[in-house]
Amino acid sequence: MRDYLNIGSTPPAEDCAQVGSDNYYEESKKECKRYIELLREKMGNEPVGARLAIKSFPHDFGNYYEVVCYYDDSNPKAVDYAFRCESEGPETWEG
């Protein structure tokens, strides 16, 4: 079955665009795209059954965006990749 893990919108030690701020949509999407690139640099490309993507979530002040890792929970390599992205991903933009 397909599931996903929230990874975040930026590395955990970095500031991120705030929902409701000017240009939030554009800034948040740029941050998420950059974070996906950084995750791939550090963790490698997604194995079959896993996929990094940007997902929208509802919030009182409008939708917000985060990087998620979709994975097939019957595929051990996909599951491992998703959980490694969540727990071992880069802490800062420098990796």
C-alpha atoms as a PDB file:
ATOM      1  CA  MET A   1       0.000   0.000   0.000  1.00  0.00           C
ATOM      2  CA  ARG A   2       1.198   3.529  -0.698  1.00  0.00           C
ATOM      3  CA  ASP A   3       1.952   5.725   2.305  1.00  0.00           C
ATOM      4  CA  TYR A   4       4.054   8.832   2.952  1.00  0.00           C
ATOM      5  CA  LEU A   5       6.253  10.459   5.572  1.00  0.00           C
ATOM      6  CA  ASN A   6       6.482  14.212   6.123  1.00  0.00           C
ATOM      7  CA  ILE A   7      10.104  15.287   5.777  1.00  0.00           C
ATOM      8  CA  GLY A   8       9.672  19.073   6.219  1.00  0.00           C
ATOM      9  CA  SER A   9       9.865  22.162   4.064  1.00  0.00           C
ATOM     10  CA  THR A  10      13.550  22.892   4.775  1.00  0.00           C
ATOM     11  CA  PRO A  11      16.372  21.185   6.663  1.00  0.00           C
ATOM     12  CA  PRO A  12      15.468  21.244  10.394  1.00  0.00           C
ATOM     13  CA  ALA A  13      18.122  23.796  11.437  1.00  0.00           C
ATOM     14  CA  GLU A  14      17.045  26.320   8.782  1.00  0.00           C
ATOM     15  CA  ASP A  15      14.332  28.985   8.773  1.00  0.00           C
ATOM     16  CA  CYS A  16      11.455  28.525   6.349  1.00  0.00           C
ATOM     17  CA  ALA A  17       8.858  30.702   4.649  1.00  0.00           C
ATOM     18  CA  GLN A  18       5.874  31.374   6.917  1.00  0.00           C
ATOM     19  CA  VAL A  19       2.288  30.656   5.891  1.00  0.00           C
ATOM     20  CA  GLY A  20       0.482  33.920   5.204  1.00  0.00           C
ATOM     21  CA  SER A  21       3.630  35.926   4.498  1.00  0.00           C
ATOM     22  CA  ASP A  22       4.146  37.815   1.247  1.00  0.00           C
ATOM     23  CA  ASN A  23       5.164  35.492  -1.596  1.00  0.00           C
ATOM     24  CA  TYR A  24       4.714  32.424   0.640  1.00  0.00           C
ATOM     25  CA  TYR A  25       3.607  30.188  -2.220  1.00  0.00           C
ATOM     26  CA  GLU A  26       6.614  30.992  -4.427  1.00  0.00           C
ATOM     27  CA  GLU A  27       9.180  30.986  -1.596  1.00  0.00           C
ATOM     28  CA  SER A  28       7.906  27.770  -0.041  1.00  0.00           C
ATOM     29  CA  LYS A  29       7.887  25.928  -3.373  1.00  0.00           C
ATOM     30  CA  LYS A  30      11.484  27.066  -4.039  1.00  0.00           C
ATOM     31  CA  GLU A  31      12.563  25.890  -0.594  1.00  0.00           C
ATOM     32  CA  CYS A  32      10.879  22.519  -1.023  1.00  0.00           C
ATOM     33  CA  LYS A  33      12.421  21.973  -4.465  1.00  0.00           C
ATOM     34  CA  ARG A  34      15.860  22.872  -3.118  1.00  0.00           C
ATOM     35  CA  TYR A  35      15.347  20.523  -0.147  1.00  0.00           C
ATOM     36  CA  ILE A  36      14.427  17.642  -2.482  1.00  0.00           C
ATOM     37  CA  GLU A  37      17.640  18.260  -4.448  1.00  0.00           C
ATOM     38  CA  LEU A  38      19.662  18.275  -1.223  1.00  0.00           C
ATOM     39  CA  LEU A  39      18.003  15.080   0.018  1.00  0.00           C
ATOM     40  CA  ARG A  40      18.856  13.362  -3.255  1.00  0.00           C
ATOM     41  CA  GLU A  41      22.463  14.561  -3.020  1.00  0.00           C
ATOM     42  CA  LYS A  42      22.824  13.156   0.492  1.00  0.00           C
ATOM     43  CA  MET A  43      20.559  10.093   0.387  1.00  0.00           C
ATOM     44  CA  GLY A  44      20.809   9.170  -3.303  1.00  0.00           C
ATOM     45  CA  ASN A  45      17.985   8.960  -5.798  1.00  0.00           C
ATOM     46  CA  GLU A  46      14.780   7.300  -4.741  1.00  0.00           C
ATOM     47  CA  PRO A  47      14.650   3.525  -5.184  1.00  0.00           C
ATOM     48  CA  VAL A  48      11.749   1.883  -7.010  1.00  0.00           C
ATOM     49  CA  GLY A  49       8.655   2.333  -4.845  1.00  0.00           C
ATOM     50  CA  ALA A  50       9.722   5.656  -3.280  1.00  0.00           C
ATOM     51  CA  ARG A  51       9.272   9.223  -4.513  1.00  0.00           C
ATOM     52  CA  LEU A  52      10.118  12.618  -3.023  1.00  0.00           C
ATOM     53  CA  ALA A  53       7.470  15.242  -3.766  1.00  0.00           C
ATOM     54  CA  ILE A  54       5.885  18.468  -2.536  1.00  0.00           C
ATOM     55  CA  LYS A  55       2.528  18.046  -0.816  1.00  0.00           C
ATOM     56  CA  SER A  56       0.000  20.678   0.221  1.00  0.00           C
ATOM     57  CA  PHE A  57      -1.636  20.593   3.668  1.00  0.00           C
ATOM     58  CA  PRO A  58      -4.537  22.744   4.947  1.00  0.00           C
ATOM     59  CA  HIS A  59      -3.886  25.344   7.658  1.00  0.00           C
ATOM     60  CA  ASP A  60      -6.010  28.046   9.277  1.00  0.00           C
ATOM     61  CA  PHE A  61      -4.041  30.711   7.366  1.00  0.00           C
ATOM     62  CA  GLY A  62      -4.062  28.863   4.036  1.00  0.00           C
ATOM     63  CA  ASN A  63      -2.335  25.834   2.598  1.00  0.00           C
ATOM     64  CA  TYR A  64       1.264  25.100   3.491  1.00  0.00           C
ATOM     65  CA  TYR A  65       3.776  22.923   1.656  1.00  0.00           C
ATOM     66  CA  GLU A  66       6.195  20.238   2.779  1.00  0.00           C
ATOM     67  CA  VAL A  67       8.455  17.673   1.210  1.00  0.00           C
ATOM     68  CA  VAL A  68       7.115  14.163   1.664  1.00  0.00           C
ATOM     69  CA  CYS A  69       8.435  10.782   0.696  1.00  0.00           C
ATOM     70  CA  TYR A  70       5.775   8.544  -0.799  1.00  0.00           C
ATOM     71  CA  TYR A  71       6.654   4.878  -0.452  1.00  0.00           C
ATOM     72  CA  ASP A  72       5.265   1.431  -1.086  1.00  0.00           C
ATOM     73  CA  ASP A  73       5.059  -0.168   2.364  1.00  0.00           C
ATOM     74  CA  SER A  74       5.508  -3.643   0.843  1.00  0.00           C
ATOM     75  CA  ASN A  75       8.903  -2.649  -0.606  1.00  0.00           C
ATOM     76  CA  PRO A  76      11.651  -2.762   2.077  1.00  0.00           C
ATOM     77  CA  LYS A  77      14.047  -0.555   0.073  1.00  0.00           C
ATOM     78  CA  ALA A  78      11.377   2.113  -0.401  1.00  0.00           C
ATOM     79  CA  VAL A  79      10.425   2.000   3.291  1.00  0.00           C
ATOM     80  CA  ASP A  80      14.071   2.237   4.358  1.00  0.00           C
ATOM     81  CA  TYR A  81      14.701   5.194   2.032  1.00  0.00           C
ATOM     82  CA  ALA A  82      11.678   7.113   3.339  1.00  0.00           C
ATOM     83  CA  PHE A  83      12.620   6.610   6.982  1.00  0.00           C
ATOM     84  CA  ARG A  84      16.279   7.476   6.327  1.00  0.00           C
ATOM     85  CA  CYS A  85      15.201  10.734   4.635  1.00  0.00           C
ATOM     86  CA  GLU A  86      13.160  11.567   7.710  1.00  0.00           C
ATOM     87  CA  SER A  87      15.801  10.675  10.304  1.00  0.00           C
ATOM     88  CA  GLU A  88      19.151  11.098   8.529  1.00  0.00           C
ATOM     89  CA  GLY A  89      18.496  13.943   6.113  1.00  0.00           C
ATOM     90  CA  PRO A  90      20.655  17.086   6.054  1.00  0.00           C
ATOM     91  CA  GLU A  91      20.346  19.422   9.044  1.00  0.00           C
ATOM     92  CA  THR A  92      21.304  22.587   7.119  1.00  0.00           C
ATOM     93  CA  TRP A  93      21.450  23.825   3.528  1.00  0.00           C
ATOM     94  CA  GLU A  94      25.155  22.964   3.537  1.00  0.00           C
ATOM     95  CA  GLY A  95      24.245  19.308   4.027  1.00  0.00           C
END
